[in-house]
Amino acid sequence: MSNPSDGTAGASRLEASLNVPPSLDNSLAQSDSEGADVALAAAGDQRAFERLYRLHAARVHSLVRRMVGGEGDVDELTQDVFVRAWQRLSTFRGEAQFGTWLHRLAVNLVLNWQKGEARGRRRFDDGADVELRPARPVAQDAAMDLEDAIGMLPPGARQIFVLHDVEGYRHEEIGAMLGVTTGTTKAQLHRARMLLRAHLER
């Protein structure tokens, strides 16, 4: 009589012979599950969208927090991202991963929010350049880590640092998002890195 475990062992040997890493197999299964939830959510299935929310909320929240620093309600903006995603799911064509589409939507929402905030500040600042303001003061005794340092960057430098060094966008993509030249994005990125180094070396 054959051992019931022989089938499992045989499958494992087959996977090994095909050089299929377990992590890849799990990743493909998760991708298939996510794709099914995206399709269901686009058809109006709120439970499927809740699963997508649980899968992506932490990273979207982290992205929003890094982009806005201490200037906005991170929780509220994160919720706005998912509300917008729910409203626009019908426009998702699957040409990129859902997570990529969601993060680009989050970036655009935060940038639009920041533009509105900047316009409001300029009405009170008599045309002052918001992006050249000094970083927010921090208590001298506070422990300084990278997240704190990113939050202290001026808005323009922080935007470009997060988009380039954290999220992996190219300078050309960032320039198109912000309506500036790649020379400007490179200069702001250099500035952000120098400020971060100065903060972290204190």
C-alpha atoms as a PDB file:
ATOM      1  CA  MET A   1       0.000   0.000   0.000  1.00  0.00           C
ATOM      2  CA  SER A   2       1.343   3.413  -0.871  1.00  0.00           C
ATOM      3  CA  ASN A   3       2.059   5.935   1.840  1.00  0.00           C
ATOM      4  CA  PRO A   4      -0.508   8.845   1.839  1.00  0.00           C
ATOM      5  CA  SER A   5       2.370  11.269   2.100  1.00  0.00           C
ATOM      6  CA  ASP A   6       3.878  10.035  -1.172  1.00  0.00           C
ATOM      7  CA  GLY A   7       1.761  12.439  -3.203  1.00  0.00           C
ATOM      8  CA  THR A   8       2.949  15.417  -1.181  1.00  0.00           C
ATOM      9  CA  ALA A   9       6.533  14.256  -1.378  1.00  0.00           C
ATOM     10  CA  GLY A  10       6.194  13.747  -5.112  1.00  0.00           C
ATOM     11  CA  ALA A  11       4.796  17.247  -5.560  1.00  0.00           C
ATOM     12  CA  SER A  12       7.670  18.672  -3.538  1.00  0.00           C
ATOM     13  CA  ARG A  13      10.190  16.784  -5.675  1.00  0.00           C
ATOM     14  CA  LEU A  14       8.494  18.076  -8.830  1.00  0.00           C
ATOM     15  CA  GLU A  15       8.606  21.676  -7.554  1.00  0.00           C
ATOM     16  CA  ALA A  16      12.269  21.219  -6.672  1.00  0.00           C
ATOM     17  CA  SER A  17      13.055  19.795 -10.114  1.00  0.00           C
ATOM     18  CA  LEU A  18      11.363  22.804 -11.721  1.00  0.00           C
ATOM     19  CA  ASN A  19      13.240  25.205  -9.408  1.00  0.00           C
ATOM     20  CA  VAL A  20      10.020  26.821  -8.177  1.00  0.00           C
ATOM     21  CA  PRO A  21      10.838  28.666  -4.942  1.00  0.00           C
ATOM     22  CA  PRO A  22       8.074  28.413  -2.303  1.00  0.00           C
ATOM     23  CA  SER A  23       8.053  32.192  -1.871  1.00  0.00           C
ATOM     24  CA  LEU A  24       7.308  32.635  -5.570  1.00  0.00           C
ATOM     25  CA  ASP A  25       4.478  30.129  -5.372  1.00  0.00           C
ATOM     26  CA  ASN A  26       2.986  31.994  -2.391  1.00  0.00           C
ATOM     27  CA  SER A  27       3.463  35.316  -4.153  1.00  0.00           C
ATOM     28  CA  LEU A  28       1.618  34.077  -7.233  1.00  0.00           C
ATOM     29  CA  ALA A  29      -1.230  32.782  -5.083  1.00  0.00           C
ATOM     30  CA  GLN A  30      -1.506  36.146  -3.316  1.00  0.00           C
ATOM     31  CA  SER A  31      -1.418  37.970  -6.652  1.00  0.00           C
ATOM     32  CA  ASP A  32      -4.234  35.775  -7.994  1.00  0.00           C
ATOM     33  CA  SER A  33      -6.273  36.377  -4.840  1.00  0.00           C
ATOM     34  CA  GLU A  34      -5.708  40.121  -5.070  1.00  0.00           C
ATOM     35  CA  GLY A  35      -6.670  40.150  -8.742  1.00  0.00           C
ATOM     36  CA  ALA A  36      -9.911  38.335  -7.915  1.00  0.00           C
ATOM     37  CA  ASP A  37     -10.672  40.844  -5.146  1.00  0.00           C
ATOM     38  CA  VAL A  38      -9.989  43.767  -7.480  1.00  0.00           C
ATOM     39  CA  ALA A  39     -12.463  42.354 -10.011  1.00  0.00           C
ATOM     40  CA  LEU A  40     -15.070  41.731  -7.316  1.00  0.00           C
ATOM     41  CA  ALA A  41     -14.592  45.177  -5.792  1.00  0.00           C
ATOM     42  CA  ALA A  42     -14.898  46.837  -9.210  1.00  0.00           C
ATOM     43  CA  ALA A  43     -18.251  45.068  -9.518  1.00  0.00           C
ATOM     44  CA  GLY A  44     -19.361  46.584  -6.204  1.00  0.00           C
ATOM     45  CA  ASP A  45     -18.304  43.916  -3.681  1.00  0.00           C
ATOM     46  CA  GLN A  46     -17.505  45.887  -0.516  1.00  0.00           C
ATOM     47  CA  ARG A  47     -16.080  42.868   1.337  1.00  0.00           C
ATOM     48  CA  ALA A  48     -13.544  42.344  -1.438  1.00  0.00           C
ATOM     49  CA  PHE A  49     -12.573  46.006  -1.184  1.00  0.00           C
ATOM     50  CA  GLU A  50     -12.183  45.656   2.585  1.00  0.00           C
ATOM     51  CA  ARG A  51      -9.693  42.849   1.961  1.00  0.00           C
ATOM     52  CA  LEU A  52      -7.765  45.108  -0.426  1.00  0.00           C
ATOM     53  CA  TYR A  53      -7.844  47.852   2.194  1.00  0.00           C
ATOM     54  CA  ARG A  54      -6.378  45.552   4.853  1.00  0.00           C
ATOM     55  CA  LEU A  55      -3.676  44.411   2.446  1.00  0.00           C
ATOM     56  CA  HIS A  56      -2.520  47.897   1.395  1.00  0.00           C
ATOM     57  CA  ALA A  57      -3.542  50.304   4.176  1.00  0.00           C
ATOM     58  CA  ALA A  58      -0.286  50.167   6.158  1.00  0.00           C
ATOM     59  CA  ARG A  59       1.951  50.988   3.195  1.00  0.00           C
ATOM     60  CA  VAL A  60      -0.360  53.736   1.914  1.00  0.00           C
ATOM     61  CA  HIS A  61      -0.478  55.235   5.413  1.00  0.00           C
ATOM     62  CA  SER A  62       3.329  55.169   5.566  1.00  0.00           C
ATOM     63  CA  LEU A  63       3.598  56.852   2.160  1.00  0.00           C
ATOM     64  CA  VAL A  64       1.130  59.592   3.117  1.00  0.00           C
ATOM     65  CA  ARG A  65       2.849  60.191   6.467  1.00  0.00           C
ATOM     66  CA  ARG A  66       6.227  60.608   4.839  1.00  0.00           C
ATOM     67  CA  MET A  67       4.910  62.949   2.162  1.00  0.00           C
ATOM     68  CA  VAL A  68       2.963  65.317   4.427  1.00  0.00           C
ATOM     69  CA  GLY A  69       5.299  65.295   7.429  1.00  0.00           C
ATOM     70  CA  GLY A  70       3.475  67.036  10.268  1.00  0.00           C
ATOM     71  CA  GLU A  71       1.368  69.217   8.007  1.00  0.00           C
ATOM     72  CA  GLY A  72      -1.833  67.225   7.681  1.00  0.00           C
ATOM     73  CA  ASP A  73      -4.117  64.576   9.136  1.00  0.00           C
ATOM     74  CA  VAL A  74      -2.449  61.394   7.869  1.00  0.00           C
ATOM     75  CA  ASP A  75      -5.341  59.122   8.858  1.00  0.00           C
ATOM     76  CA  GLU A  76      -7.872  61.306   7.075  1.00  0.00           C
ATOM     77  CA  LEU A  77      -5.769  61.566   3.922  1.00  0.00           C
ATOM     78  CA  THR A  78      -5.237  57.805   3.919  1.00  0.00           C
ATOM     79  CA  GLN A  79      -8.990  57.302   4.126  1.00  0.00           C
ATOM     80  CA  ASP A  80      -9.414  59.774   1.270  1.00  0.00           C
ATOM     81  CA  VAL A  81      -7.061  57.660  -0.848  1.00  0.00           C
ATOM     82  CA  PHE A  82      -9.211  54.563  -0.375  1.00  0.00           C
ATOM     83  CA  VAL A  83     -12.433  56.472  -0.941  1.00  0.00           C
ATOM     84  CA  ARG A  84     -10.969  57.729  -4.216  1.00  0.00           C
ATOM     85  CA  ALA A  85      -9.784  54.219  -5.083  1.00  0.00           C
ATOM     86  CA  TRP A  86     -13.297  52.833  -4.520  1.00  0.00           C
ATOM     87  CA  GLN A  87     -14.733  55.539  -6.737  1.00  0.00           C
ATOM     88  CA  ARG A  88     -12.205  54.954  -9.510  1.00  0.00           C
ATOM     89  CA  LEU A  89     -11.874  51.188  -9.500  1.00  0.00           C
ATOM     90  CA  SER A  90     -13.742  51.052 -12.800  1.00  0.00           C
ATOM     91  CA  THR A  91     -10.791  52.880 -14.405  1.00  0.00           C
ATOM     92  CA  PHE A  92      -8.268  50.235 -13.281  1.00  0.00           C
ATOM     93  CA  ARG A  93      -7.266  48.288 -16.386  1.00  0.00           C
ATOM     94  CA  GLY A  94      -4.771  45.872 -14.888  1.00  0.00           C
ATOM     95  CA  GLU A  95      -1.863  47.248 -16.937  1.00  0.00           C
ATOM     96  CA  ALA A  96       0.078  47.565 -13.669  1.00  0.00           C
ATOM     97  CA  GLN A  97      -0.225  45.874 -10.293  1.00  0.00           C
ATOM     98  CA  PHE A  98      -3.144  47.141  -8.212  1.00  0.00           C
ATOM     99  CA  GLY A  99      -0.704  48.275  -5.524  1.00  0.00           C
ATOM    100  CA  THR A 100       1.211  50.365  -8.070  1.00  0.00           C
ATOM    101  CA  TRP A 101      -2.020  51.959  -9.298  1.00  0.00           C
ATOM    102  CA  LEU A 102      -3.137  52.635  -5.723  1.00  0.00           C
ATOM    103  CA  HIS A 103       0.162  54.235  -4.725  1.00  0.00           C
ATOM    104  CA  ARG A 104       0.174  56.516  -7.759  1.00  0.00           C
ATOM    105  CA  LEU A 105      -3.361  57.547  -6.859  1.00  0.00           C
ATOM    106  CA  ALA A 106      -2.179  58.254  -3.298  1.00  0.00           C
ATOM    107  CA  VAL A 107       0.748  60.348  -4.533  1.00  0.00           C
ATOM    108  CA  ASN A 108      -1.524  62.400  -6.803  1.00  0.00           C
ATOM    109  CA  LEU A 109      -4.061  62.957  -4.038  1.00  0.00           C
ATOM    110  CA  VAL A 110      -1.414  64.120  -1.567  1.00  0.00           C
ATOM    111  CA  LEU A 111       0.216  66.402  -4.153  1.00  0.00           C
ATOM    112  CA  ASN A 112      -3.147  68.003  -4.941  1.00  0.00           C
ATOM    113  CA  TRP A 113      -3.828  68.443  -1.225  1.00  0.00           C
ATOM    114  CA  GLN A 114      -0.427  70.064  -0.741  1.00  0.00           C
ATOM    115  CA  LYS A 115      -1.003  72.439  -3.654  1.00  0.00           C
ATOM    116  CA  GLY A 116      -4.211  73.580  -2.006  1.00  0.00           C
ATOM    117  CA  GLU A 117      -2.442  74.032   1.306  1.00  0.00           C
ATOM    118  CA  ALA A 118       0.370  76.000  -0.346  1.00  0.00           C
ATOM    119  CA  ARG A 119      -2.111  78.319  -2.072  1.00  0.00           C
ATOM    120  CA  GLY A 120      -3.805  78.957   1.262  1.00  0.00           C
ATOM    121  CA  ARG A 121      -0.521  79.722   2.988  1.00  0.00           C
ATOM    122  CA  ARG A 122       0.595  82.113   0.257  1.00  0.00           C
ATOM    123  CA  ARG A 123      -2.534  84.203   0.794  1.00  0.00           C
ATOM    124  CA  PHE A 124      -1.280  84.862   4.331  1.00  0.00           C
ATOM    125  CA  ASP A 125       2.453  84.875   3.642  1.00  0.00           C
ATOM    126  CA  ASP A 126       2.483  87.673   1.044  1.00  0.00           C
ATOM    127  CA  GLY A 127       4.041  85.461  -1.619  1.00  0.00           C
ATOM    128  CA  ALA A 128       6.696  83.791   0.505  1.00  0.00           C
ATOM    129  CA  ASP A 129       8.203  80.656  -0.999  1.00  0.00           C
ATOM    130  CA  VAL A 130       6.892  77.880   1.215  1.00  0.00           C
ATOM    131  CA  GLU A 131       9.442  75.334   0.032  1.00  0.00           C
ATOM    132  CA  LEU A 132      12.376  77.403   1.283  1.00  0.00           C
ATOM    133  CA  ARG A 133      11.123  77.616   4.860  1.00  0.00           C
ATOM    134  CA  PRO A 134      13.267  76.013   7.564  1.00  0.00           C
ATOM    135  CA  ALA A 135      12.331  72.614   8.895  1.00  0.00           C
ATOM    136  CA  ARG A 136       9.959  72.264  11.839  1.00  0.00           C
ATOM    137  CA  PRO A 137      11.725  72.700  15.192  1.00  0.00           C
ATOM    138  CA  VAL A 138      12.252  69.536  17.199  1.00  0.00           C
ATOM    139  CA  ALA A 139      13.085  69.232  20.876  1.00  0.00           C
ATOM    140  CA  GLN A 140      16.847  68.981  21.242  1.00  0.00           C
ATOM    141  CA  ASP A 141      16.583  65.991  23.549  1.00  0.00           C
ATOM    142  CA  ALA A 142      14.327  64.032  21.174  1.00  0.00           C
ATOM    143  CA  ALA A 143      15.801  60.870  19.691  1.00  0.00           C
ATOM    144  CA  MET A 144      16.263  61.476  15.987  1.00  0.00           C
ATOM    145  CA  ASP A 145      15.603  58.658  13.574  1.00  0.00           C
ATOM    146  CA  LEU A 146      15.134  58.660   9.822  1.00  0.00           C
ATOM    147  CA  GLU A 147      11.345  59.042   9.978  1.00  0.00           C
ATOM    148  CA  ASP A 148      11.705  62.102  12.226  1.00  0.00           C
ATOM    149  CA  ALA A 149      14.310  63.561   9.904  1.00  0.00           C
ATOM    150  CA  ILE A 150      12.137  63.044   6.818  1.00  0.00           C
ATOM    151  CA  GLY A 151       9.273  64.768   8.617  1.00  0.00           C
ATOM    152  CA  MET A 152      11.503  67.778   9.303  1.00  0.00           C
ATOM    153  CA  LEU A 153      12.395  68.361   5.649  1.00  0.00           C
ATOM    154  CA  PRO A 154      10.883  71.364   3.869  1.00  0.00           C
ATOM    155  CA  PRO A 155       7.835  70.281   1.808  1.00  0.00           C
ATOM    156  CA  GLY A 156       9.431  70.404  -1.642  1.00  0.00           C
ATOM    157  CA  ALA A 157      12.562  68.518  -0.661  1.00  0.00           C
ATOM    158  CA  ARG A 158      10.532  65.998   1.322  1.00  0.00           C
ATOM    159  CA  GLN A 159       8.192  65.287  -1.597  1.00  0.00           C
ATOM    160  CA  ILE A 160      11.039  64.533  -3.958  1.00  0.00           C
ATOM    161  CA  PHE A 161      13.037  62.495  -1.437  1.00  0.00           C
ATOM    162  CA  VAL A 162      10.025  60.279  -0.657  1.00  0.00           C
ATOM    163  CA  LEU A 163       9.049  59.866  -4.301  1.00  0.00           C
ATOM    164  CA  HIS A 164      12.593  59.112  -5.487  1.00  0.00           C
ATOM    165  CA  ASP A 165      14.442  57.404  -2.645  1.00  0.00           C
ATOM    166  CA  VAL A 166      11.508  55.717  -0.896  1.00  0.00           C
ATOM    167  CA  GLU A 167       8.937  55.004  -3.611  1.00  0.00           C
ATOM    168  CA  GLY A 168      11.361  54.552  -6.500  1.00  0.00           C
ATOM    169  CA  TYR A 169       9.978  57.038  -9.041  1.00  0.00           C
ATOM    170  CA  ARG A 170      12.396  58.344 -11.687  1.00  0.00           C
ATOM    171  CA  HIS A 171      13.273  62.028 -11.926  1.00  0.00           C
ATOM    172  CA  GLU A 172      11.344  62.303 -15.202  1.00  0.00           C
ATOM    173  CA  GLU A 173       8.210  60.899 -13.545  1.00  0.00           C
ATOM    174  CA  ILE A 174       8.561  63.183 -10.531  1.00  0.00           C
ATOM    175  CA  GLY A 175       9.080  66.212 -12.774  1.00  0.00           C
ATOM    176  CA  ALA A 176       5.882  65.373 -14.660  1.00  0.00           C
ATOM    177  CA  MET A 177       3.932  64.952 -11.408  1.00  0.00           C
ATOM    178  CA  LEU A 178       5.146  68.230  -9.917  1.00  0.00           C
ATOM    179  CA  GLY A 179       5.353  70.269 -13.101  1.00  0.00           C
ATOM    180  CA  VAL A 180       9.069  71.004 -12.686  1.00  0.00           C
ATOM    181  CA  THR A 181      12.246  70.148 -14.588  1.00  0.00           C
ATOM    182  CA  THR A 182      14.412  67.148 -13.809  1.00  0.00           C
ATOM    183  CA  GLY A 183      17.165  69.605 -12.892  1.00  0.00           C
ATOM    184  CA  THR A 184      14.907  70.946 -10.151  1.00  0.00           C
ATOM    185  CA  THR A 185      14.069  67.480  -8.851  1.00  0.00           C
ATOM    186  CA  LYS A 186      17.740  66.515  -8.751  1.00  0.00           C
ATOM    187  CA  ALA A 187      18.659  69.704  -6.930  1.00  0.00           C
ATOM    188  CA  GLN A 188      15.873  69.218  -4.383  1.00  0.00           C
ATOM    189  CA  LEU A 189      16.855  65.585  -3.868  1.00  0.00           C
ATOM    190  CA  HIS A 190      20.462  66.609  -3.222  1.00  0.00           C
ATOM    191  CA  ARG A 191      19.232  69.238  -0.782  1.00  0.00           C
ATOM    192  CA  ALA A 192      17.028  66.694   1.008  1.00  0.00           C
ATOM    193  CA  ARG A 193      19.899  64.240   1.380  1.00  0.00           C
ATOM    194  CA  MET A 194      22.214  66.924   2.751  1.00  0.00           C
ATOM    195  CA  LEU A 195      19.593  68.073   5.269  1.00  0.00           C
ATOM    196  CA  LEU A 196      18.912  64.492   6.348  1.00  0.00           C
ATOM    197  CA  ARG A 197      22.613  63.857   6.839  1.00  0.00           C
ATOM    198  CA  ALA A 198      22.956  67.023   8.901  1.00  0.00           C
ATOM    199  CA  HIS A 199      19.964  66.103  11.093  1.00  0.00           C
ATOM    200  CA  LEU A 200      21.082  62.522  11.615  1.00  0.00           C
ATOM    201  CA  GLU A 201      24.678  63.479  12.457  1.00  0.00           C
ATOM    202  CA  ARG A 202      23.702  65.851  15.250  1.00  0.00           C
END
